[in-house]
Amino acid sequence: MERQQVFLALEKTGNLIEAGFWIVFGAGLAIAGMRHRRDLAHLGLLSGTILFLFGISDLVEANTGAWWRPWWLLVWKGTCLSGMVLCALKYRRISVREPPLEVMERRGADSTRTHDTHPVSDCPEDDGTQSAVPR
């Protein structure tokens, strides 16, 4: 019986540590996200809020002893995980759509472009040259 109590105390402590990690990480992501351009700031704030709420769900889990009981805790955690995946996909779409800031600054300083764009579609035409911007 004593061994089971030690395990439960260890599990609760682990959940509390994990909750602290997610809460701090979420708050940090939300604050850091505000230092970027508008679309990334919104995404950073949303991602940080989701991670913060995920940390709060770990506090609830520490008191209930299971992530699947009660049923609404499972739904809460599943919603947070779905939100994290959607934010990651949105970040990937944003980061692929726009080149890194270093490339944009280099392009502004250097007036020569490494490729031409199609006159109708604005898509880069493949002229065989290497570009600093991924195509």
Protein backbone atom coordinates (compact mmCIF):
# COMPACT_ATOMS: atom_id res chain seq x y z
CA MET A 1 0.00 0.00 0.00
CA GLU A 2 2.80 2.42 0.84
CA ARG A 3 4.44 1.83 -2.55
CA GLN A 4 1.22 2.81 -4.31
CA GLN A 5 1.04 6.06 -2.33
CA VAL A 6 4.62 6.91 -3.33
CA PHE A 7 3.78 6.26 -6.98
CA LEU A 8 0.67 8.47 -6.81
CA ALA A 9 2.65 11.27 -5.15
CA LEU A 10 5.35 10.96 -7.81
CA GLU A 11 2.74 11.04 -10.60
CA LYS A 12 1.11 14.14 -9.11
CA THR A 13 4.48 15.87 -8.76
CA GLY A 14 5.29 15.02 -12.38
CA ASN A 15 1.98 16.48 -13.54
CA LEU A 16 2.60 19.65 -11.57
CA ILE A 17 6.07 20.04 -13.09
CA GLU A 18 4.65 19.41 -16.57
CA ALA A 19 1.88 21.95 -15.95
CA GLY A 20 4.44 24.54 -14.92
CA PHE A 21 6.46 23.86 -18.06
CA TRP A 22 3.47 24.28 -20.42
CA ILE A 23 2.22 27.39 -18.64
CA VAL A 24 5.63 29.11 -18.73
CA PHE A 25 6.30 27.99 -22.31
CA GLY A 26 2.86 29.19 -23.43
CA ALA A 27 3.27 32.58 -21.76
CA GLY A 28 6.75 32.95 -23.25
CA LEU A 29 5.53 32.05 -26.74
CA ALA A 30 2.66 34.54 -26.51
CA ILE A 31 4.98 37.33 -25.34
CA ALA A 32 7.70 36.53 -27.91
CA GLY A 33 5.12 36.29 -30.68
CA MET A 34 4.10 39.90 -30.16
CA ARG A 35 7.54 41.04 -31.33
CA HIS A 36 6.91 39.82 -34.89
CA ARG A 37 4.77 40.97 -37.77
CA ARG A 38 1.00 40.87 -37.42
CA ASP A 39 0.20 37.36 -38.74
CA LEU A 40 2.95 35.78 -36.64
CA ALA A 41 1.92 37.83 -33.61
CA HIS A 42 -1.64 36.51 -33.80
CA LEU A 43 -0.39 32.96 -34.29
CA GLY A 44 2.05 33.32 -31.38
CA LEU A 45 -0.67 34.63 -29.10
CA LEU A 46 -3.04 31.84 -30.12
CA SER A 47 -0.35 29.13 -29.74
CA GLY A 48 0.72 30.51 -26.38
CA THR A 49 -2.86 30.56 -25.14
CA ILE A 50 -3.40 26.96 -26.23
CA LEU A 51 -0.21 25.83 -24.47
CA PHE A 52 -1.21 27.80 -21.36
CA LEU A 53 -4.63 26.09 -21.32
CA PHE A 54 -2.92 22.72 -21.85
CA GLY A 55 -0.84 23.44 -18.73
CA ILE A 56 -3.98 24.25 -16.76
CA SER A 57 -5.43 20.91 -17.88
CA ASP A 58 -2.35 19.23 -16.38
CA LEU A 59 -3.15 20.91 -13.06
CA VAL A 60 -6.63 19.37 -13.25
CA GLU A 61 -5.08 16.02 -14.21
CA ALA A 62 -2.82 16.16 -11.15
CA ASN A 63 -5.94 16.30 -8.98
CA THR A 64 -8.01 13.72 -10.86
CA GLY A 65 -5.19 11.21 -11.32
CA ALA A 66 -5.95 10.44 -14.97
CA TRP A 67 -6.00 12.37 -18.24
CA TRP A 68 -9.13 10.53 -19.43
CA ARG A 69 -11.23 11.02 -16.26
CA PRO A 70 -13.52 12.93 -16.16
CA TRP A 71 -14.58 12.78 -19.80
CA TRP A 72 -14.42 16.55 -20.26
CA LEU A 73 -10.72 16.56 -19.35
CA LEU A 74 -10.06 14.17 -22.23
CA VAL A 75 -12.02 16.49 -24.57
CA TRP A 76 -10.12 19.51 -23.21
CA LYS A 77 -6.74 17.89 -23.81
CA GLY A 78 -7.80 16.64 -27.25
CA THR A 79 -8.96 20.11 -28.22
CA CYS A 80 -5.65 21.61 -27.08
CA LEU A 81 -3.66 19.02 -29.05
CA SER A 82 -5.78 19.65 -32.16
CA GLY A 83 -5.20 23.38 -31.77
CA MET A 84 -1.44 22.85 -31.46
CA VAL A 85 -1.38 20.82 -34.67
CA LEU A 86 -3.43 23.44 -36.53
CA CYS A 87 -1.13 26.22 -35.29
CA ALA A 88 1.93 24.26 -36.44
CA LEU A 89 0.37 23.79 -39.88
CA LYS A 90 -0.51 27.50 -40.07
CA TYR A 91 3.06 28.43 -39.06
CA ARG A 92 4.44 26.16 -41.76
CA ARG A 93 2.18 27.78 -44.36
CA ILE A 94 3.25 31.28 -43.26
CA SER A 95 6.96 30.44 -43.17
CA VAL A 96 6.90 28.78 -46.60
CA ARG A 97 4.91 31.65 -48.12
CA GLU A 98 7.35 34.35 -47.08
CA PRO A 99 11.15 34.13 -47.17
CA PRO A 100 13.20 34.75 -44.03
CA LEU A 101 13.93 38.36 -43.08
CA GLU A 102 17.63 37.99 -44.00
CA VAL A 103 16.69 37.09 -47.56
CA MET A 104 14.28 40.02 -47.80
CA GLU A 105 16.95 42.44 -46.53
CA ARG A 106 19.53 41.03 -48.93
CA ARG A 107 17.09 41.36 -51.81
CA GLY A 108 16.42 45.01 -50.91
CA ALA A 109 20.14 45.83 -50.75
CA ASP A 110 20.94 44.00 -53.96
CA SER A 111 18.93 45.33 -56.88
CA THR A 112 19.60 42.30 -59.08
CA ARG A 113 17.13 39.47 -58.76
CA THR A 114 18.11 35.85 -59.26
CA HIS A 115 14.99 34.93 -61.22
CA ASP A 116 12.23 36.50 -63.25
CA THR A 117 8.56 36.14 -62.53
CA HIS A 118 5.95 35.03 -64.98
CA PRO A 119 4.11 38.10 -66.33
CA VAL A 120 0.66 36.68 -65.54
CA SER A 121 1.00 34.51 -62.44
CA ASP A 122 3.88 36.05 -60.42
CA CYS A 123 5.35 32.56 -60.13
CA PRO A 124 9.11 32.34 -60.56
CA GLU A 125 10.11 30.91 -63.91
CA ASP A 126 12.71 28.19 -63.70
CA ASP A 127 15.68 29.61 -65.58
CA GLY A 128 18.19 27.14 -64.13
CA THR A 129 19.88 29.65 -61.83
CA GLN A 130 20.11 29.19 -58.11
CA SER A 131 18.04 31.46 -55.95
CA ALA A 132 18.47 32.59 -52.36
CA VAL A 133 14.70 32.21 -51.97
CA PRO A 134 13.34 28.63 -52.09
CA ARG A 135 10.99 28.09 -54.97
